[in-house]
Amino acid sequence: MKEPRMTDLSPDTSHSSTPDPLRSVYLRLVAEESIPAQARGHYTYLRPVATDLLVGIALDTPENVRILTDREVALVEWDTLVAAARTNLLNEPVNYDTIDLPGGAVLHILGHPESVFAASKALVLDEAVRAAGGPEFPAEGVLLTVPNRHNLVFYPLADSHVGEAVNALAQFGQGAYEDGPGRISPRVFWWRAGTLISITVFDHESRTMSISPPDELMTIMRRLAHPGS
């Protein structure tokens, strides 16, 4: 199999006006299903961050946005490459907004119709939300969904409307994932201190999905839903 086209990411030591390619690299959430089986040998540096989700480094050029291959990431010292990709992701402009649900829950949105890295803000979530003017996170973390590259929707685990919020996240995640473009995952995740855990379970026989939080999260949700009990 022919290896995907390479891009020279080595530091520019000349005095030319050629742009520094490190300004165009970004950490990016990658749907595991988006990497064809026959190509995975070229992307062994990709690491899982949650069920069905990988983290990679993308190169954004005027022609396209693509995930770098193993050979390409080896052209630059790893820590330098990751630091540049993280900084660029944090600096990527997104809009921050909220949605008030009928039952009182409030969903928070980071998104931008022209950004292909909005959902990837989940990789730097607390810093990204702070920079966008969003809320401080509670110690219990947040629930979130990243259905496509343009949207990240989250709910801080801080009030009694958690039941309405998790149902709304599940519905939005599934709908936006199916609509696309740039689908990532229909799942709902629990984010806490930088760790993502899927709380969505798929039944492959019935082709349905349900929410099944781990015991620790279920305890938190029950406490929030029934304060003082």
Protein backbone atom coordinates (compact mmCIF):
# COMPACT_ATOMS: atom_id res chain seq x y z
CA MET A 1 0.00 0.00 0.00
CA LYS A 2 1.26 3.43 -0.88
CA GLU A 3 1.86 5.59 2.18
CA PRO A 4 -0.16 8.84 2.36
CA ARG A 5 1.61 11.91 1.03
CA MET A 6 4.10 13.44 3.46
CA THR A 7 4.54 17.04 4.43
CA ASP A 8 7.91 18.41 5.51
CA LEU A 9 7.46 19.67 9.07
CA SER A 10 11.12 20.15 9.84
CA PRO A 11 11.95 23.57 11.31
CA ASP A 12 12.69 26.23 8.74
CA THR A 13 16.26 27.43 9.23
CA SER A 14 16.36 29.59 6.13
CA HIS A 15 15.55 33.28 5.94
CA SER A 16 12.74 32.80 3.45
CA SER A 17 9.19 33.99 4.04
CA THR A 18 7.83 30.43 3.97
CA PRO A 19 5.27 30.07 6.80
CA ASP A 20 6.28 27.97 9.78
CA PRO A 21 4.34 24.69 9.40
CA LEU A 22 4.12 24.36 13.19
CA ARG A 23 1.60 27.20 13.06
CA SER A 24 -0.73 24.90 11.14
CA VAL A 25 -0.75 21.80 13.34
CA TYR A 26 -3.55 21.03 15.78
CA LEU A 27 -4.44 18.35 18.27
CA ARG A 28 -7.55 16.71 16.90
CA LEU A 29 -10.16 14.22 18.02
CA VAL A 30 -10.30 11.37 15.54
CA ALA A 31 -13.14 8.89 15.23
CA GLU A 32 -11.61 5.44 15.30
CA GLU A 33 -13.95 4.36 12.52
CA SER A 34 -12.54 7.08 10.25
CA ILE A 35 -9.14 5.36 9.97
CA PRO A 36 -9.43 2.55 7.40
CA ALA A 37 -8.03 -0.76 8.59
CA GLN A 38 -5.56 -0.91 5.71
CA ALA A 39 -4.13 2.50 6.66
CA ARG A 40 -3.73 2.04 10.41
CA GLY A 41 -0.12 0.96 10.09
CA HIS A 42 0.70 4.53 9.06
CA TYR A 43 -0.96 6.05 12.15
CA THR A 44 0.33 4.00 15.06
CA TYR A 45 1.06 7.13 17.13
CA LEU A 46 -2.67 7.80 17.51
CA ARG A 47 -3.73 7.18 21.10
CA PRO A 48 -7.19 6.35 22.52
CA VAL A 49 -8.79 9.01 24.69
CA ALA A 50 -12.19 7.33 25.15
CA THR A 51 -14.35 4.64 23.58
CA ASP A 52 -14.12 4.97 19.77
CA LEU A 53 -12.09 8.21 20.06
CA LEU A 54 -8.42 8.76 19.28
CA VAL A 55 -6.21 11.82 19.51
CA GLY A 56 -3.98 12.75 16.60
CA ILE A 57 -2.22 15.74 15.10
CA ALA A 58 -3.77 17.42 12.08
CA LEU A 59 -2.20 19.68 9.50
CA ASP A 60 -4.49 22.49 8.31
CA THR A 61 -3.57 23.76 4.85
CA PRO A 62 -5.50 25.84 2.31
CA GLU A 63 -6.10 22.62 0.35
CA ASN A 64 -7.30 20.31 3.11
CA VAL A 65 -7.09 19.20 6.74
CA ARG A 66 -5.55 15.81 7.35
CA ILE A 67 -4.07 13.69 10.09
CA LEU A 68 -0.29 13.41 10.01
CA THR A 69 1.29 10.01 9.51
CA ASP A 70 3.89 8.31 11.70
CA ARG A 71 6.65 9.32 9.31
CA GLU A 72 5.56 12.94 9.31
CA VAL A 73 5.35 13.32 13.08
CA ALA A 74 8.85 11.83 13.31
CA LEU A 75 10.22 14.82 11.37
CA VAL A 76 9.87 17.10 14.42
CA GLU A 77 10.77 16.52 18.05
CA TRP A 78 7.62 15.07 19.62
CA ASP A 79 7.27 17.46 22.55
CA THR A 80 7.75 20.45 20.26
CA LEU A 81 5.12 19.18 17.85
CA VAL A 82 2.57 18.42 20.58
CA ALA A 83 3.13 21.76 22.31
CA ALA A 84 2.54 23.63 19.05
CA ALA A 85 -0.54 21.55 18.22
CA ARG A 86 -2.00 22.14 21.69
CA THR A 87 -1.38 25.88 21.60
CA ASN A 88 -2.94 26.19 18.15
CA LEU A 89 -6.00 24.26 19.28
CA LEU A 90 -6.46 26.53 22.28
CA ASN A 91 -6.13 29.59 20.05
CA GLU A 92 -8.65 28.34 17.49
CA PRO A 93 -11.62 30.77 17.57
CA VAL A 94 -14.98 29.32 18.61
CA ASN A 95 -18.28 30.75 19.76
CA TYR A 96 -19.63 30.14 23.25
CA ASP A 97 -23.38 29.98 23.87
CA THR A 98 -25.98 28.38 26.12
CA ILE A 99 -29.33 26.69 25.60
CA ASP A 100 -32.04 26.83 28.28
CA LEU A 101 -34.07 23.62 28.29
CA PRO A 102 -37.76 23.59 29.28
CA GLY A 103 -37.16 21.78 32.57
CA GLY A 104 -34.46 24.15 33.77
CA ALA A 105 -31.25 22.50 32.58
CA VAL A 106 -28.72 24.66 30.78
CA LEU A 107 -26.49 23.24 28.06
CA HIS A 108 -23.28 25.01 27.07
CA ILE A 109 -21.92 25.03 23.52
CA LEU A 110 -18.51 25.58 22.00
CA GLY A 111 -18.85 25.65 18.25
CA HIS A 112 -18.22 27.38 14.98
CA PRO A 113 -19.62 26.52 11.54
CA GLU A 114 -16.27 27.20 9.88
CA SER A 115 -13.99 25.53 12.44
CA VAL A 116 -13.10 21.88 11.98
CA PHE A 117 -11.49 21.85 15.44
CA ALA A 118 -14.37 22.97 17.67
CA ALA A 119 -15.13 19.47 18.97
CA SER A 120 -11.41 18.86 19.51
CA LYS A 121 -11.54 21.50 22.24
CA ALA A 122 -12.57 18.53 24.41
CA LEU A 123 -8.85 17.70 24.53
CA VAL A 124 -8.17 21.01 26.33
CA LEU A 125 -11.66 21.46 27.72
CA ASP A 126 -11.26 23.36 30.97
CA GLU A 127 -8.81 25.85 29.46
CA ALA A 128 -10.86 26.26 26.29
CA VAL A 129 -14.09 26.93 28.19
CA ARG A 130 -12.35 29.41 30.48
CA ALA A 131 -10.86 31.25 27.50
CA ALA A 132 -14.28 31.42 25.82
CA GLY A 133 -15.90 32.95 28.91
CA GLY A 134 -17.70 29.81 30.04
CA PRO A 135 -18.31 28.56 33.57
CA GLU A 136 -15.86 27.15 36.06
CA PHE A 137 -16.14 23.38 36.26
CA PRO A 138 -17.32 21.63 39.42
CA ALA A 139 -15.12 18.94 40.94
CA GLU A 140 -17.55 16.31 39.62
CA GLY A 141 -16.81 17.39 36.06
CA VAL A 142 -19.17 17.71 33.09
CA LEU A 143 -21.17 15.57 30.71
CA LEU A 144 -20.53 16.24 27.03
CA THR A 145 -21.05 15.14 23.48
CA VAL A 146 -18.90 15.74 20.39
CA PRO A 147 -21.13 14.54 17.55
CA ASN A 148 -19.29 16.31 14.76
CA ARG A 149 -16.23 18.46 14.23
CA HIS A 150 -18.16 21.74 14.54
CA ASN A 151 -19.85 21.21 17.92
CA LEU A 152 -19.03 20.43 21.53
CA VAL A 153 -21.99 20.54 23.93
CA PHE A 154 -21.56 20.12 27.67
CA TYR A 155 -23.38 20.26 30.98
CA PRO A 156 -21.61 20.94 34.30
CA LEU A 157 -22.55 18.44 37.00
CA ALA A 158 -23.70 21.13 39.42
CA ASP A 159 -27.51 21.17 39.76
CA SER A 160 -30.63 19.07 40.04
CA HIS A 161 -31.47 19.12 36.31
CA VAL A 162 -29.01 16.38 35.47
CA GLY A 163 -31.66 13.95 34.21
CA GLU A 164 -33.02 16.39 31.65
CA ALA A 165 -29.51 17.37 30.63
CA VAL A 166 -28.23 13.86 29.99
CA ASN A 167 -31.29 12.99 27.89
CA ALA A 168 -30.89 16.18 25.85
CA LEU A 169 -27.20 15.49 25.29
CA ALA A 170 -27.96 11.96 24.11
CA GLN A 171 -30.63 13.18 21.68
CA PHE A 172 -28.51 16.03 20.34
CA GLY A 173 -25.44 13.82 20.02
CA GLN A 174 -27.27 11.18 18.03
CA GLY A 175 -29.05 13.67 15.77
CA ALA A 176 -26.02 15.84 15.01
CA TYR A 177 -23.85 12.76 14.45
CA GLU A 178 -26.29 11.40 11.89
CA ASP A 179 -26.63 14.77 10.17
CA GLY A 180 -22.88 15.45 9.93
CA PRO A 181 -20.74 16.59 8.27
CA GLY A 182 -17.49 15.57 9.94
CA ARG A 183 -19.09 13.06 12.30
CA ILE A 184 -17.09 12.08 15.36
CA SER A 185 -19.25 10.28 17.94
CA PRO A 186 -22.91 10.06 19.01
CA ARG A 187 -21.88 9.09 22.56
CA VAL A 188 -22.28 11.02 25.80
CA PHE A 189 -19.07 11.23 27.80
CA TRP A 190 -18.22 12.05 31.39
CA TRP A 191 -15.28 14.46 31.53
CA ARG A 192 -13.46 14.90 34.83
CA ALA A 193 -9.94 16.26 35.37
CA GLY A 194 -9.03 15.68 31.73
CA THR A 195 -10.33 12.11 31.49
CA LEU A 196 -13.18 11.10 29.16
CA ILE A 197 -15.40 8.09 29.91
CA SER A 198 -18.24 7.00 27.65
CA ILE A 199 -21.55 6.55 29.44
CA THR A 200 -23.35 5.38 26.29
CA VAL A 201 -23.95 1.68 25.67
CA PHE A 202 -24.83 0.28 22.25
CA ASP A 203 -27.01 -2.79 21.78
CA HIS A 204 -25.82 -4.09 18.43
CA GLU A 205 -28.67 -6.57 18.06
CA SER A 206 -31.44 -4.00 18.44
CA ARG A 207 -29.25 -1.20 17.04
CA THR A 208 -30.20 1.06 19.93
CA MET A 209 -28.20 2.93 22.52
CA SER A 210 -28.81 3.81 26.14
CA ILE A 211 -27.16 5.74 28.95
CA SER A 212 -25.40 3.60 31.57
CA PRO A 213 -23.21 5.68 33.90
CA PRO A 214 -20.52 3.99 36.00
CA ASP A 215 -21.38 3.58 39.70
CA GLU A 216 -19.43 6.65 40.80
CA LEU A 217 -21.17 8.90 38.31
CA MET A 218 -24.56 7.39 39.11
CA THR A 219 -24.01 8.28 42.78
CA ILE A 220 -23.18 11.86 41.80
CA MET A 221 -26.22 12.14 39.54
CA ARG A 222 -28.56 10.79 42.21
CA ARG A 223 -27.19 13.21 44.79
CA LEU A 224 -27.66 16.13 42.40
CA ALA A 225 -31.16 15.06 41.37
CA HIS A 226 -32.27 14.65 45.00
CA PRO A 227 -30.41 17.24 47.06
CA GLY A 228 -30.72 16.83 50.81
CA SER A 229 -32.00 13.26 50.59
